[in-house]
C-alpha atoms as a PDB file:
ATOM      1  CA  MET A   1     124.854-117.674 -77.566  1.00  0.00           C
ATOM      2  CA  THR A   2     127.858-119.157 -77.267  1.00  0.00           C
ATOM      3  CA  ASP A   3     131.239-117.722 -76.876  1.00  0.00           C
ATOM      4  CA  GLU A   4     132.079-119.188 -80.122  1.00  0.00           C
ATOM      5  CA  ARG A   5     130.902-116.608 -82.351  1.00  0.00           C
ATOM      6  CA  PRO A   6     128.885-118.648 -85.792  1.00  0.00           C
ATOM      7  CA  TYR A   7     129.695-117.421 -89.247  1.00  0.00           C
ATOM      8  CA  ASP A   8     129.089-118.956 -92.579  1.00  0.00           C
ATOM      9  CA  PRO A   9     131.647-117.860 -95.218  1.00  0.00           C
ATOM     10  CA  ASN A  10     129.267-116.727 -97.909  1.00  0.00           C
ATOM     11  CA  THR A  11     127.687-114.676 -95.844  1.00  0.00           C
ATOM     12  CA  ASP A  12     127.003-110.866 -97.575  1.00  0.00           C
ATOM     13  CA  GLY A  13     128.264-109.255 -95.370  1.00  0.00           C
ATOM     14  CA  CYS A  14     126.160-106.067 -93.548  1.00  0.00           C
ATOM     15  CA  THR A  15     123.086-106.456 -96.014  1.00  0.00           C
ATOM     16  CA  GLY A  16     122.230-103.642 -97.296  1.00  0.00           C
ATOM     17  CA  TRP A  17     124.951-101.707 -95.121  1.00  0.00           C
ATOM     18  CA  PHE A  18     129.098-101.314 -95.006  1.00  0.00           C
ATOM     19  CA  ASP A  19     130.639-103.689 -93.170  1.00  0.00           C
ATOM     20  CA  GLY A  20     133.460-101.794 -91.721  1.00  0.00           C
ATOM     21  CA  ASP A  21     135.559-103.510 -89.156  1.00  0.00           C
ATOM     22  CA  TRP A  22     131.889-105.272 -87.633  1.00  0.00           C
ATOM     23  CA  LYS A  23     131.165-107.397 -91.141  1.00  0.00           C
ATOM     24  CA  ASP A  24     132.309-110.558 -88.160  1.00  0.00           C
ATOM     25  CA  CYS A  25     129.180-108.608 -86.425  1.00  0.00           C
ATOM     26  CA  CYS A  26     127.546-109.290 -89.229  1.00  0.00           C
ATOM     27  CA  ALA A  27     128.157-113.216 -90.712  1.00  0.00           C
ATOM     28  CA  GLU A  28     127.094-113.884 -86.863  1.00  0.00           C
ATOM     29  CA  HIS A  29     124.016-111.598 -87.055  1.00  0.00           C
ATOM     30  CA  ASP A  30     123.137-113.329 -90.508  1.00  0.00           C
ATOM     31  CA  PHE A  31     123.215-117.374 -88.956  1.00  0.00           C
ATOM     32  CA  TYR A  32     120.779-116.650 -85.941  1.00  0.00           C
ATOM     33  CA  TYR A  33     118.424-115.539 -88.721  1.00  0.00           C
ATOM     34  CA  VAL A  34     118.660-118.394 -91.260  1.00  0.00           C
ATOM     35  CA  ASN A  35     119.976-121.417 -88.545  1.00  0.00           C
ATOM     36  CA  ASP A  36     117.081-122.441 -85.978  1.00  0.00           C
ATOM     37  CA  VAL A  37     119.284-122.913 -83.032  1.00  0.00           C
ATOM     38  CA  GLY A  38     117.361-121.034 -80.814  1.00  0.00           C
ATOM     39  CA  VAL A  39     117.794-117.494 -81.418  1.00  0.00           C
ATOM     40  CA  THR A  40     114.440-115.296 -81.473  1.00  0.00           C
ATOM     41  CA  THR A  41     115.315-111.495 -83.709  1.00  0.00           C
ATOM     42  CA  ARG A  42     115.297-109.611 -81.442  1.00  0.00           C
ATOM     43  CA  GLU A  43     118.235-111.400 -79.048  1.00  0.00           C
ATOM     44  CA  ALA A  44     119.693-111.750 -82.968  1.00  0.00           C
ATOM     45  CA  ASP A  45     119.301-108.088 -83.230  1.00  0.00           C
ATOM     46  CA  ARG A  46     120.924-107.120 -79.339  1.00  0.00           C
ATOM     47  CA  THR A  47     123.938-110.086 -80.436  1.00  0.00           C
ATOM     48  CA  LEU A  48     124.423-107.971 -83.720  1.00  0.00           C
ATOM     49  CA  ARG A  49     124.073-104.597 -81.267  1.00  0.00           C
ATOM     50  CA  LYS A  50     126.897-105.399 -78.320  1.00  0.00           C
ATOM     51  CA  CYS A  51     128.902-106.999 -81.359  1.00  0.00           C
ATOM     52  CA  ILE A  52     129.532-103.583 -83.353  1.00  0.00           C
ATOM     53  CA  GLN A  53     130.502-102.147 -80.014  1.00  0.00           C
ATOM     54  CA  SER A  54     132.169-104.265 -78.610  1.00  0.00           C
ATOM     55  CA  LYS A  55     134.865-102.717 -80.513  1.00  0.00           C
ATOM     56  CA  GLY A  56     135.480-100.302 -78.793  1.00  0.00           C
ATOM     57  CA  GLY A  57     135.543 -95.998 -79.466  1.00  0.00           C
ATOM     58  CA  ALA A  58     132.336 -93.039 -80.029  1.00  0.00           C
ATOM     59  CA  VAL A  59     131.836 -94.234 -83.091  1.00  0.00           C
ATOM     60  CA  HIS A  60     131.203 -98.438 -82.731  1.00  0.00           C
ATOM     61  CA  TYR A  61     129.522 -97.074 -79.957  1.00  0.00           C
ATOM     62  CA  VAL A  62     127.055 -95.398 -82.481  1.00  0.00           C
ATOM     63  CA  MET A  63     127.132 -97.819 -84.736  1.00  0.00           C
ATOM     64  CA  GLY A  64     125.640-100.221 -82.663  1.00  0.00           C
ATOM     65  CA  TRP A  65     122.277 -98.081 -82.129  1.00  0.00           C
ATOM     66  CA  VAL A  66     122.247 -97.157 -85.816  1.00  0.00           C
ATOM     67  CA  MET A  67     122.381-100.889 -86.808  1.00  0.00           C
ATOM     68  CA  TRP A  68     121.199-102.202 -84.513  1.00  0.00           C
ATOM     69  CA  ALA A  69     117.977 -99.978 -85.556  1.00  0.00           C
ATOM     70  CA  GLY A  70     117.847-101.221 -88.315  1.00  0.00           C
ATOM     71  CA  VAL A  71     118.031-104.177 -88.314  1.00  0.00           C
ATOM     72  CA  ARG A  72     114.790-104.709 -85.460  1.00  0.00           C
ATOM     73  CA  LEU A  73     112.875-102.083 -88.713  1.00  0.00           C
ATOM     74  CA  TYR A  74     114.155-104.693 -91.773  1.00  0.00           C
ATOM     75  CA  SER A  75     113.359-107.987 -90.029  1.00  0.00           C
ATOM     76  CA  LYS A  76     109.749-107.381 -90.289  1.00  0.00           C
ATOM     77  CA  ASN A  77     109.845-107.609 -93.521  1.00  0.00           C
ATOM     78  CA  ILE A  78     111.945-110.781 -93.833  1.00  0.00           C
ATOM     79  CA  ARG A  79     110.460-113.084 -90.627  1.00  0.00           C
ATOM     80  CA  GLY A  80     109.765-116.042 -90.805  1.00  0.00           C
ATOM     81  CA  ARG A  81     112.341-116.612 -94.116  1.00  0.00           C
ATOM     82  CA  ARG A  82     114.546-120.082 -93.638  1.00  0.00           C
ATOM     83  CA  ALA A  83     116.588-118.669 -96.076  1.00  0.00           C
ATOM     84  CA  MET A  84     117.898-115.718 -97.760  1.00  0.00           C
ATOM     85  CA  ARG A  85     119.924-115.692-101.191  1.00  0.00           C
ATOM     86  CA  TRP A  86     123.378-115.655 -99.857  1.00  0.00           C
ATOM     87  CA  PHE A  87     123.072-118.816 -98.376  1.00  0.00           C
ATOM     88  CA  ASP A  88     120.814-120.607-101.519  1.00  0.00           C
END
């Protein structure tokens, strides 16, 4: 992963969740899930958690873990898909 965060303006943000001030983290996560850039779902999920937690404070620390748990569970339903509806 690079220092420059990938972002697709067509993302729906935090799918199934409110965007908060971490929509950029969700957009990066979506990018990794959809594009074949050599990032596993596990790495993408970890990056999402760390990105949210990097915003600082207890709320972001907890929300990082909550979102991480959600995507780890939800990703089992979409793993292997090459495209998601908001990128069509």
